[in-house]
Structures are given as C-alpha cells and as structure tokens.
C-alpha cells in the first residue's frame, strides 16, 4: 500500500495542508454554484426562445425583401438583355412611361 501512496504522491503531487474546513467550504461553494447555474439555465432558455422568435421574424422579412428584389430584377434583366443584344441597325428608345422600345432604323418596325 505504501508504494501506491508514494506513486500517487509522485504523479499527483500529494496532498499538502489537508484541511477539513477548506474541503467543506469548497463543497458549499460548489452547491451555491449549482443553484446559480440552475437559475442561469432558466434565463438562458428564455433568451434562446426570444432569439428563436427574432430569428423567425428576420427570416420572414428577408424572404419578403428578397422577393421584392427578385420582382425588380427579372424585368430589368430582360430589358438589359434586349439592349445588349440590339444590333447597330436597332434604335433603342425609352418612352415617358419607362417602356423600352427597340425599332429597326431602316424599316421603323418595332422589334421589342
């Protein structure tokens, strides 16, 4: 048995200044920390619930604004493609209402 204690003392460093009062005090501190942790868990769960609700609202708003931007993007891309693919012979005009008019300069036929 003594060799086991000696081995433990060598590896762990032994127990110096063993005091029952210090051990009891650390047990009390541990118990009070557990109580604080349990109270903290309730607060954390409430905060997590609030953050989840906020996350749902933000996702819904993100989807709303993404759809608005997508609704703007589709017609704009179509107009840009028409302008980019217009030839030298095409006349590009945007009227007062914002409509894109592409006509052939020779025949005055409307292309788009």
N, C-alpha and C. Protein backbone atom coordinates (compact mmCIF):
# COMPACT_ATOMS: atom_id res chain seq x y z
N UNK A 1 0.81 -1.19 0.00
CA UNK A 1 0.00 0.00 0.00
C UNK A 1 0.86 1.26 0.00
N UNK A 2 1.97 1.20 0.67
CA UNK A 2 2.80 2.39 0.75
C UNK A 2 3.38 2.77 -0.61
N UNK A 3 3.69 1.76 -1.41
CA UNK A 3 4.23 2.07 -2.74
C UNK A 3 3.18 2.77 -3.60
N UNK A 4 1.90 2.42 -3.40
CA UNK A 4 0.82 3.06 -4.14
C UNK A 4 0.68 4.53 -3.74
N UNK A 5 0.76 4.80 -2.42
CA UNK A 5 0.69 6.17 -1.95
C UNK A 5 1.88 6.97 -2.46
N UNK A 6 3.08 6.36 -2.43
CA UNK A 6 4.27 7.06 -2.92
C UNK A 6 4.14 7.37 -4.42
N UNK A 7 3.63 6.40 -5.17
CA UNK A 7 3.44 6.60 -6.60
C UNK A 7 2.44 7.73 -6.85
N UNK A 8 1.32 7.75 -6.11
CA UNK A 8 0.31 8.78 -6.24
C UNK A 8 0.90 10.15 -5.89
N UNK A 9 1.66 10.20 -4.79
CA UNK A 9 2.27 11.46 -4.39
C UNK A 9 3.24 11.98 -5.45
N UNK A 10 3.95 11.08 -6.10
CA UNK A 10 4.90 11.49 -7.13
C UNK A 10 4.16 12.04 -8.36
N UNK A 11 3.12 11.36 -8.79
CA UNK A 11 2.41 11.76 -10.01
C UNK A 11 1.48 12.94 -9.79
N UNK A 12 0.75 12.95 -8.69
CA UNK A 12 -0.24 13.99 -8.44
C UNK A 12 0.36 15.13 -7.63
N UNK A 13 1.35 14.85 -6.86
CA UNK A 13 1.97 15.90 -6.07
C UNK A 13 1.60 15.80 -4.61
N UNK A 14 0.83 14.80 -4.26
CA UNK A 14 0.48 14.61 -2.86
C UNK A 14 -0.51 15.64 -2.37
N UNK A 15 -0.94 15.45 -1.14
CA UNK A 15 -1.89 16.38 -0.53
C UNK A 15 -1.18 17.08 0.60
N UNK A 16 -0.99 18.37 0.44
CA UNK A 16 -0.35 19.15 1.49
C UNK A 16 -1.41 20.05 2.12
N UNK A 17 -1.22 20.37 3.35
CA UNK A 17 -2.13 21.25 4.08
C UNK A 17 -3.57 20.75 3.99
N UNK A 18 -3.76 19.48 4.30
CA UNK A 18 -5.10 18.90 4.28
C UNK A 18 -5.92 19.55 5.37
N UNK A 19 -7.07 20.11 5.01
CA UNK A 19 -7.91 20.79 5.98
C UNK A 19 -9.37 20.47 5.70
N UNK A 20 -10.04 19.95 6.68
CA UNK A 20 -11.45 19.60 6.55
C UNK A 20 -12.28 20.87 6.34
N UNK A 21 -11.90 21.95 6.97
CA UNK A 21 -12.64 23.21 6.85
C UNK A 21 -12.61 23.69 5.40
N UNK A 22 -11.43 23.62 4.76
CA UNK A 22 -11.32 24.04 3.36
C UNK A 22 -12.16 23.15 2.44
N UNK A 23 -12.18 21.86 2.72
CA UNK A 23 -12.96 20.93 1.89
C UNK A 23 -14.45 21.24 2.04
N UNK A 24 -14.91 21.47 3.26
CA UNK A 24 -16.32 21.78 3.49
C UNK A 24 -16.70 23.11 2.80
N UNK A 25 -15.80 24.08 2.89
CA UNK A 25 -16.07 25.37 2.25
C UNK A 25 -16.18 25.20 0.74
N UNK A 26 -15.32 24.39 0.13
CA UNK A 26 -15.39 24.19 -1.31
C UNK A 26 -16.67 23.45 -1.70
N UNK A 27 -17.16 22.54 -0.83
CA UNK A 27 -18.42 21.85 -1.10
C UNK A 27 -19.58 22.84 -1.08
N UNK A 28 -19.57 23.79 -0.14
CA UNK A 28 -20.62 24.79 -0.07
C UNK A 28 -20.59 25.68 -1.32
N UNK A 29 -19.39 26.05 -1.74
CA UNK A 29 -19.25 26.88 -2.94
C UNK A 29 -19.79 26.13 -4.15
N UNK A 30 -19.50 24.84 -4.22
CA UNK A 30 -19.98 24.03 -5.34
C UNK A 30 -21.50 23.99 -5.37
N UNK A 31 -22.11 23.81 -4.20
CA UNK A 31 -23.58 23.77 -4.13
C UNK A 31 -24.18 25.11 -4.54
N UNK A 32 -23.61 26.20 -4.08
CA UNK A 32 -24.15 27.51 -4.43
C UNK A 32 -23.96 27.79 -5.93
N UNK A 33 -22.87 27.29 -6.49
CA UNK A 33 -22.65 27.45 -7.93
C UNK A 33 -23.69 26.67 -8.71
N UNK A 34 -24.07 25.48 -8.23
CA UNK A 34 -25.09 24.68 -8.91
C UNK A 34 -26.44 25.41 -8.91
N UNK A 35 -26.79 26.02 -7.78
CA UNK A 35 -28.05 26.77 -7.70
C UNK A 35 -28.02 27.93 -8.68
N UNK A 36 -26.90 28.65 -8.74
CA UNK A 36 -26.77 29.76 -9.68
C UNK A 36 -26.86 29.27 -11.12
N UNK A 37 -26.26 28.11 -11.40
CA UNK A 37 -26.31 27.56 -12.75
C UNK A 37 -27.74 27.22 -13.14
N UNK A 38 -28.52 26.64 -12.19
CA UNK A 38 -29.91 26.30 -12.49
C UNK A 38 -30.73 27.56 -12.77
N UNK A 39 -30.50 28.62 -12.00
CA UNK A 39 -31.19 29.88 -12.26
C UNK A 39 -30.76 30.43 -13.60
N UNK A 40 -29.47 30.32 -13.89
CA UNK A 40 -28.95 30.80 -15.16
C UNK A 40 -29.52 30.03 -16.34
N UNK A 41 -29.79 28.73 -16.15
CA UNK A 41 -30.36 27.92 -17.22
C UNK A 41 -31.73 28.43 -17.63
N UNK A 42 -32.54 28.80 -16.65
CA UNK A 42 -33.87 29.33 -16.94
C UNK A 42 -33.79 30.62 -17.73
N UNK A 43 -32.87 31.48 -17.32
CA UNK A 43 -32.69 32.74 -18.05
C UNK A 43 -32.17 32.48 -19.46
N UNK A 44 -31.26 31.53 -19.58
CA UNK A 44 -30.72 31.21 -20.91
C UNK A 44 -31.80 30.62 -21.82
N UNK A 45 -32.65 29.76 -21.27
CA UNK A 45 -33.72 29.18 -22.07
C UNK A 45 -34.69 30.26 -22.55
N UNK A 46 -34.98 31.22 -21.68
CA UNK A 46 -35.86 32.32 -22.06
C UNK A 46 -35.21 33.16 -23.17
N UNK A 47 -33.92 33.43 -23.01
CA UNK A 47 -33.21 34.21 -24.02
C UNK A 47 -33.13 33.46 -25.35
N UNK A 48 -32.93 32.15 -25.28
CA UNK A 48 -32.91 31.34 -26.50
C UNK A 48 -34.26 31.39 -27.20
N UNK A 49 -35.35 31.32 -26.43
CA UNK A 49 -36.69 31.43 -27.01
C UNK A 49 -36.90 32.77 -27.70
N UNK A 50 -36.44 33.84 -27.06
CA UNK A 50 -36.58 35.17 -27.66
C UNK A 50 -35.75 35.27 -28.94
N UNK A 51 -34.55 34.72 -28.92
CA UNK A 51 -33.70 34.75 -30.11
C UNK A 51 -34.28 33.92 -31.24
N UNK A 52 -34.88 32.79 -30.92
CA UNK A 52 -35.52 31.97 -31.95
C UNK A 52 -36.69 32.71 -32.60
N UNK A 53 -37.48 33.39 -31.79
CA UNK A 53 -38.60 34.17 -32.32
C UNK A 53 -38.10 35.30 -33.21
N UNK A 54 -37.06 35.97 -32.74
CA UNK A 54 -36.46 37.04 -33.53
C UNK A 54 -35.92 36.50 -34.85
N UNK A 55 -35.32 35.32 -34.79
CA UNK A 55 -34.78 34.68 -35.99
C UNK A 55 -35.89 34.39 -37.00
N UNK A 56 -37.04 33.91 -36.53
CA UNK A 56 -38.16 33.62 -37.42
C UNK A 56 -38.64 34.90 -38.11
N UNK A 57 -38.74 35.98 -37.34
CA UNK A 57 -39.21 37.26 -37.90
C UNK A 57 -38.22 37.76 -38.95
N UNK A 58 -36.93 37.68 -38.63
CA UNK A 58 -35.92 38.16 -39.58
C UNK A 58 -35.89 37.32 -40.85
N UNK A 59 -36.09 36.02 -40.73
CA UNK A 59 -36.14 35.17 -41.93
C UNK A 59 -37.34 35.53 -42.81
N UNK A 60 -38.47 35.80 -42.17
CA UNK A 60 -39.66 36.18 -42.93
C UNK A 60 -39.44 37.52 -43.65
N UNK A 61 -38.83 38.49 -42.94
CA UNK A 61 -38.55 39.77 -43.57
C UNK A 61 -37.54 39.61 -44.70
N UNK A 62 -36.53 38.78 -44.49
CA UNK A 62 -35.54 38.55 -45.54
C UNK A 62 -36.20 37.98 -46.78
N UNK A 63 -37.09 37.02 -46.60
CA UNK A 63 -37.81 36.44 -47.73
C UNK A 63 -38.68 37.46 -48.44
N UNK A 64 -39.34 38.33 -47.67
CA UNK A 64 -40.18 39.37 -48.25
C UNK A 64 -39.36 40.30 -49.14
N UNK A 65 -38.26 40.81 -48.60
CA UNK A 65 -37.44 41.75 -49.37
C UNK A 65 -36.70 41.06 -50.51
N UNK A 66 -36.34 39.80 -50.34
CA UNK A 66 -35.72 39.07 -51.44
C UNK A 66 -36.70 38.95 -52.61
N UNK A 67 -37.96 38.63 -52.31
CA UNK A 67 -38.97 38.53 -53.36
C UNK A 67 -39.20 39.87 -54.05
N UNK A 68 -39.19 40.96 -53.28
CA UNK A 68 -39.33 42.29 -53.89
C UNK A 68 -38.18 42.56 -54.86
N UNK A 69 -36.95 42.27 -54.42
CA UNK A 69 -35.80 42.48 -55.29
C UNK A 69 -35.86 41.58 -56.52
N UNK A 70 -36.31 40.36 -56.33
CA UNK A 70 -36.43 39.43 -57.47
C UNK A 70 -37.47 39.94 -58.46
N UNK A 71 -38.58 40.49 -57.94
CA UNK A 71 -39.61 41.06 -58.83
C UNK A 71 -39.06 42.22 -59.65
N UNK A 72 -38.13 42.97 -59.08
CA UNK A 72 -37.50 44.06 -59.82
C UNK A 72 -36.45 43.55 -60.80
N UNK A 73 -35.75 42.52 -60.39
CA UNK A 73 -34.62 42.04 -61.18
C UNK A 73 -35.05 41.42 -62.51
N UNK A 74 -36.09 40.64 -62.51
CA UNK A 74 -36.49 39.91 -63.71
C UNK A 74 -36.79 40.85 -64.88
N UNK A 75 -37.65 41.87 -64.71
CA UNK A 75 -37.88 42.78 -65.85
C UNK A 75 -36.63 43.57 -66.24
N UNK A 76 -35.85 43.97 -65.25
CA UNK A 76 -34.64 44.73 -65.57
C UNK A 76 -33.65 43.91 -66.39
N UNK A 77 -33.48 42.65 -66.02
CA UNK A 77 -32.57 41.79 -66.77
C UNK A 77 -33.06 41.60 -68.19
N UNK A 78 -34.36 41.45 -68.37
CA UNK A 78 -34.91 41.31 -69.72
C UNK A 78 -34.63 42.55 -70.57
N UNK A 79 -34.84 43.74 -69.97
CA UNK A 79 -34.56 44.98 -70.70
C UNK A 79 -33.07 45.11 -71.02
N UNK A 80 -32.25 44.78 -70.05
CA UNK A 80 -30.80 44.87 -70.28
C UNK A 80 -30.36 43.92 -71.38
N UNK A 81 -30.91 42.71 -71.38
CA UNK A 81 -30.56 41.76 -72.44
C UNK A 81 -31.00 42.28 -73.81
N UNK A 82 -32.18 42.89 -73.87
CA UNK A 82 -32.65 43.44 -75.14
C UNK A 82 -31.70 44.54 -75.62
N UNK A 83 -31.26 45.39 -74.71
CA UNK A 83 -30.34 46.46 -75.07
C UNK A 83 -28.99 45.89 -75.50
N UNK A 84 -28.49 44.91 -74.77
CA UNK A 84 -27.18 44.35 -75.09
C UNK A 84 -27.18 43.61 -76.43
N UNK A 85 -28.28 42.93 -76.73
CA UNK A 85 -28.33 42.14 -77.96
C UNK A 85 -28.88 42.92 -79.15
N UNK A 86 -29.15 44.18 -78.95
CA UNK A 86 -29.61 45.01 -80.07
C UNK A 86 -28.44 45.22 -81.03
N UNK A 87 -28.75 45.24 -82.30
CA UNK A 87 -27.70 45.42 -83.32
C UNK A 87 -27.51 46.90 -83.63
N UNK A 88 -26.58 47.18 -84.49
CA UNK A 88 -26.32 48.56 -84.90
C UNK A 88 -27.53 49.17 -85.60
N UNK A 89 -28.29 48.32 -86.23
CA UNK A 89 -29.44 48.80 -87.01
C UNK A 89 -30.67 49.06 -86.14
N UNK A 90 -30.57 48.78 -84.87
CA UNK A 90 -31.72 48.96 -83.98
C UNK A 90 -31.62 50.30 -83.26
N UNK A 91 -32.76 50.95 -83.14
CA UNK A 91 -32.86 52.21 -82.40
C UNK A 91 -33.51 51.90 -81.06
N UNK A 92 -32.83 52.27 -79.97
CA UNK A 92 -33.33 51.98 -78.63
C UNK A 92 -33.85 53.27 -78.02
N UNK A 93 -35.14 53.25 -77.62
CA UNK A 93 -35.78 54.43 -77.04
C UNK A 93 -36.55 54.00 -75.80
N UNK A 94 -36.47 54.84 -74.78
CA UNK A 94 -37.29 54.61 -73.59
C UNK A 94 -38.28 55.75 -73.53
N UNK A 95 -39.58 55.41 -73.57
CA UNK A 95 -40.60 56.45 -73.60
C UNK A 95 -40.82 57.06 -72.22
N UNK A 96 -41.76 57.99 -72.13
CA UNK A 96 -42.03 58.71 -70.88
C UNK A 96 -42.53 57.79 -69.76
N UNK A 97 -43.15 56.71 -70.12
CA UNK A 97 -43.68 55.77 -69.12
C UNK A 97 -42.63 54.75 -68.67
N UNK A 98 -41.45 54.81 -69.27
CA UNK A 98 -40.39 53.88 -68.90
C UNK A 98 -40.36 52.62 -69.71
N UNK A 99 -41.17 52.56 -70.76
CA UNK A 99 -41.20 51.38 -71.62
C UNK A 99 -40.02 51.41 -72.58
N UNK A 100 -39.44 50.26 -72.82
CA UNK A 100 -38.30 50.12 -73.72
C UNK A 100 -38.82 49.83 -75.12
N UNK A 101 -38.42 50.66 -76.07
CA UNK A 101 -38.85 50.47 -77.46
C UNK A 101 -37.60 50.27 -78.32
N UNK A 102 -37.55 49.15 -79.01
CA UNK A 102 -36.45 48.87 -79.92
C UNK A 102 -37.05 48.75 -81.32
N UNK A 103 -36.60 49.61 -82.21
CA UNK A 103 -37.12 49.59 -83.58
C UNK A 103 -35.96 49.51 -84.56
N UNK A 104 -36.24 48.94 -85.70
CA UNK A 104 -35.25 48.86 -86.78
C UNK A 104 -35.17 50.24 -87.42
N UNK A 105 -33.97 50.79 -87.56
CA UNK A 105 -33.84 52.17 -88.05
C UNK A 105 -34.19 52.29 -89.52
N UNK A 106 -34.14 51.19 -90.25
CA UNK A 106 -34.44 51.26 -91.67
C UNK A 106 -35.93 51.07 -91.96
N UNK A 107 -36.55 50.16 -91.25
CA UNK A 107 -37.96 49.86 -91.55
C UNK A 107 -38.90 50.48 -90.52
N UNK A 108 -38.37 50.98 -89.42
CA UNK A 108 -39.15 51.55 -88.32
C UNK A 108 -40.13 50.52 -87.73
N UNK A 109 -39.84 49.24 -87.94
CA UNK A 109 -40.65 48.18 -87.33
C UNK A 109 -40.18 47.98 -85.89
N UNK A 110 -41.16 47.81 -85.05
CA UNK A 110 -40.83 47.59 -83.64
C UNK A 110 -40.38 46.16 -83.45
N UNK A 111 -39.20 46.01 -82.80
CA UNK A 111 -38.64 44.68 -82.54
C UNK A 111 -39.09 44.19 -81.16
N UNK A 112 -39.03 45.03 -80.18
CA UNK A 112 -39.41 44.62 -78.83
C UNK A 112 -40.27 45.67 -78.19
